[in-house]
Amino acid sequence: MNENNLRVLDRLVNYVEKEKYQGFDPYDILNSKLPLSFLSKYGQVALLQIQKRSPISLRPVFGVQKRLILKEWHYSLPHIQIFIN
């Protein structure tokens, strides 16, 4: 493995540890602390699309916090192992 790959992997590990293995899910805007029950089904879909396509994160406005996403780790680990080998 070349030195650049090791440096990138080291930065990734440091970032993940600093964030305590937590992050955002693309669909977590619906877990907002604001009551979104007034939105219709299509309103919720529109809100999801706005969040996904927005250049700035709307999560702080809606009170969404980072959380541990085990599904992401499940999909990421094989790729990290290939990167290391």
C-alpha atoms as a PDB file:
ATOM      1  CA  MET A   1       0.000   0.000   0.000  1.00  0.00           C
ATOM      2  CA  ASN A   2       1.463   3.337  -0.915  1.00  0.00           C
ATOM      3  CA  GLU A   3       2.096   6.122   1.547  1.00  0.00           C
ATOM      4  CA  ASN A   4      -0.736   8.332   0.254  1.00  0.00           C
ATOM      5  CA  ASN A   5      -3.314   5.576   0.863  1.00  0.00           C
ATOM      6  CA  LEU A   6      -2.050   5.095   4.400  1.00  0.00           C
ATOM      7  CA  ARG A   7      -2.279   8.831   5.067  1.00  0.00           C
ATOM      8  CA  VAL A   8      -5.862   8.954   3.746  1.00  0.00           C
ATOM      9  CA  LEU A   9      -6.844   5.919   5.804  1.00  0.00           C
ATOM     10  CA  ASP A  10      -5.262   7.429   8.911  1.00  0.00           C
ATOM     11  CA  ARG A  11      -7.216  10.682   8.414  1.00  0.00           C
ATOM     12  CA  LEU A  12     -10.425   8.704   7.911  1.00  0.00           C
ATOM     13  CA  VAL A  13      -9.907   6.688  11.094  1.00  0.00           C
ATOM     14  CA  ASN A  14      -9.124   9.857  13.073  1.00  0.00           C
ATOM     15  CA  TYR A  15     -12.268  11.583  11.773  1.00  0.00           C
ATOM     16  CA  VAL A  16     -14.502   8.597  12.527  1.00  0.00           C
ATOM     17  CA  GLU A  17     -13.095   8.249  16.036  1.00  0.00           C
ATOM     18  CA  LYS A  18     -13.463  11.992  16.658  1.00  0.00           C
ATOM     19  CA  GLU A  19     -17.133  11.776  15.614  1.00  0.00           C
ATOM     20  CA  LYS A  20     -17.553   8.721  17.904  1.00  0.00           C
ATOM     21  CA  TYR A  21     -18.706   6.578  14.970  1.00  0.00           C
ATOM     22  CA  GLN A  22     -21.842   8.679  14.520  1.00  0.00           C
ATOM     23  CA  GLY A  23     -23.241  10.377  11.454  1.00  0.00           C
ATOM     24  CA  PHE A  24     -26.323  11.368   9.544  1.00  0.00           C
ATOM     25  CA  ASP A  25     -28.603   9.169   7.499  1.00  0.00           C
ATOM     26  CA  PRO A  26     -29.904  10.537   4.185  1.00  0.00           C
ATOM     27  CA  TYR A  27     -33.489  10.034   5.385  1.00  0.00           C
ATOM     28  CA  ASP A  28     -33.115  11.189   8.988  1.00  0.00           C
ATOM     29  CA  ILE A  29     -34.821  14.541   8.407  1.00  0.00           C
ATOM     30  CA  LEU A  30     -38.115  12.792   9.222  1.00  0.00           C
ATOM     31  CA  ASN A  31     -36.730  12.095  12.725  1.00  0.00           C
ATOM     32  CA  SER A  32     -36.973  15.811  13.383  1.00  0.00           C
ATOM     33  CA  LYS A  33     -37.793  17.163  16.814  1.00  0.00           C
ATOM     34  CA  LEU A  34     -40.286  19.470  15.102  1.00  0.00           C
ATOM     35  CA  PRO A  35     -43.772  18.041  14.597  1.00  0.00           C
ATOM     36  CA  LEU A  36     -43.941  17.130  10.913  1.00  0.00           C
ATOM     37  CA  SER A  37     -47.251  15.305  11.190  1.00  0.00           C
ATOM     38  CA  PHE A  38     -48.992  18.192   9.431  1.00  0.00           C
ATOM     39  CA  LEU A  39     -47.129  17.283   6.230  1.00  0.00           C
ATOM     40  CA  SER A  40     -48.865  14.925   3.838  1.00  0.00           C
ATOM     41  CA  LYS A  41     -47.052  11.893   2.482  1.00  0.00           C
ATOM     42  CA  TYR A  42     -45.980  13.981  -0.518  1.00  0.00           C
ATOM     43  CA  GLY A  43     -44.876  16.806   1.751  1.00  0.00           C
ATOM     44  CA  GLN A  44     -42.583  14.422   3.601  1.00  0.00           C
ATOM     45  CA  VAL A  45     -41.138  13.138   0.312  1.00  0.00           C
ATOM     46  CA  ALA A  46     -40.585  16.740  -0.797  1.00  0.00           C
ATOM     47  CA  LEU A  47     -38.817  17.526   2.496  1.00  0.00           C
ATOM     48  CA  LEU A  48     -36.555  14.487   2.033  1.00  0.00           C
ATOM     49  CA  GLN A  49     -35.638  15.577  -1.481  1.00  0.00           C
ATOM     50  CA  ILE A  50     -34.971  19.149  -0.387  1.00  0.00           C
ATOM     51  CA  GLN A  51     -32.623  17.889   2.352  1.00  0.00           C
ATOM     52  CA  LYS A  52     -30.832  15.480   0.030  1.00  0.00           C
ATOM     53  CA  ARG A  53     -30.285  18.101  -2.693  1.00  0.00           C
ATOM     54  CA  SER A  54     -29.567  21.113  -0.501  1.00  0.00           C
ATOM     55  CA  PRO A  55     -25.953  22.374  -0.503  1.00  0.00           C
ATOM     56  CA  ILE A  56     -26.322  23.165   3.206  1.00  0.00           C
ATOM     57  CA  SER A  57     -27.515  20.762   5.859  1.00  0.00           C
ATOM     58  CA  LEU A  58     -30.995  21.535   7.133  1.00  0.00           C
ATOM     59  CA  ARG A  59     -30.640  19.036   9.974  1.00  0.00           C
ATOM     60  CA  PRO A  60     -29.680  21.592  12.664  1.00  0.00           C
ATOM     61  CA  VAL A  61     -32.752  23.670  11.772  1.00  0.00           C
ATOM     62  CA  PHE A  62     -34.971  20.618  12.262  1.00  0.00           C
ATOM     63  CA  GLY A  63     -33.153  19.421  15.396  1.00  0.00           C
ATOM     64  CA  VAL A  64     -31.802  16.206  13.911  1.00  0.00           C
ATOM     65  CA  GLN A  65     -28.739  14.837  15.722  1.00  0.00           C
ATOM     66  CA  LYS A  66     -26.035  12.454  14.598  1.00  0.00           C
ATOM     67  CA  ARG A  67     -26.492   8.832  15.553  1.00  0.00           C
ATOM     68  CA  LEU A  68     -24.763   5.508  15.156  1.00  0.00           C
ATOM     69  CA  ILE A  69     -25.721   3.939  11.834  1.00  0.00           C
ATOM     70  CA  LEU A  70     -24.786   0.274  11.919  1.00  0.00           C
ATOM     71  CA  LYS A  71     -26.008  -0.381   8.385  1.00  0.00           C
ATOM     72  CA  GLU A  72     -23.350   1.961   7.011  1.00  0.00           C
ATOM     73  CA  TRP A  73     -20.648   0.138   8.935  1.00  0.00           C
ATOM     74  CA  HIS A  74     -21.907  -3.184   7.608  1.00  0.00           C
ATOM     75  CA  TYR A  75     -21.492  -1.976   4.025  1.00  0.00           C
ATOM     76  CA  SER A  76     -18.235  -0.064   4.622  1.00  0.00           C
ATOM     77  CA  LEU A  77     -16.122  -2.696   6.356  1.00  0.00           C
ATOM     78  CA  PRO A  78     -15.477  -4.940   3.307  1.00  0.00           C
ATOM     79  CA  HIS A  79     -14.300  -1.899   1.324  1.00  0.00           C
ATOM     80  CA  ILE A  80     -11.990  -0.786   4.113  1.00  0.00           C
ATOM     81  CA  GLN A  81     -10.503  -4.284   4.317  1.00  0.00           C
ATOM     82  CA  ILE A  82      -9.814  -4.254   0.570  1.00  0.00           C
ATOM     83  CA  PHE A  83      -8.227  -0.813   0.944  1.00  0.00           C
ATOM     84  CA  ILE A  84      -5.924  -2.046   3.723  1.00  0.00           C
ATOM     85  CA  ASN A  85      -4.823  -5.187   1.874  1.00  0.00           C
END
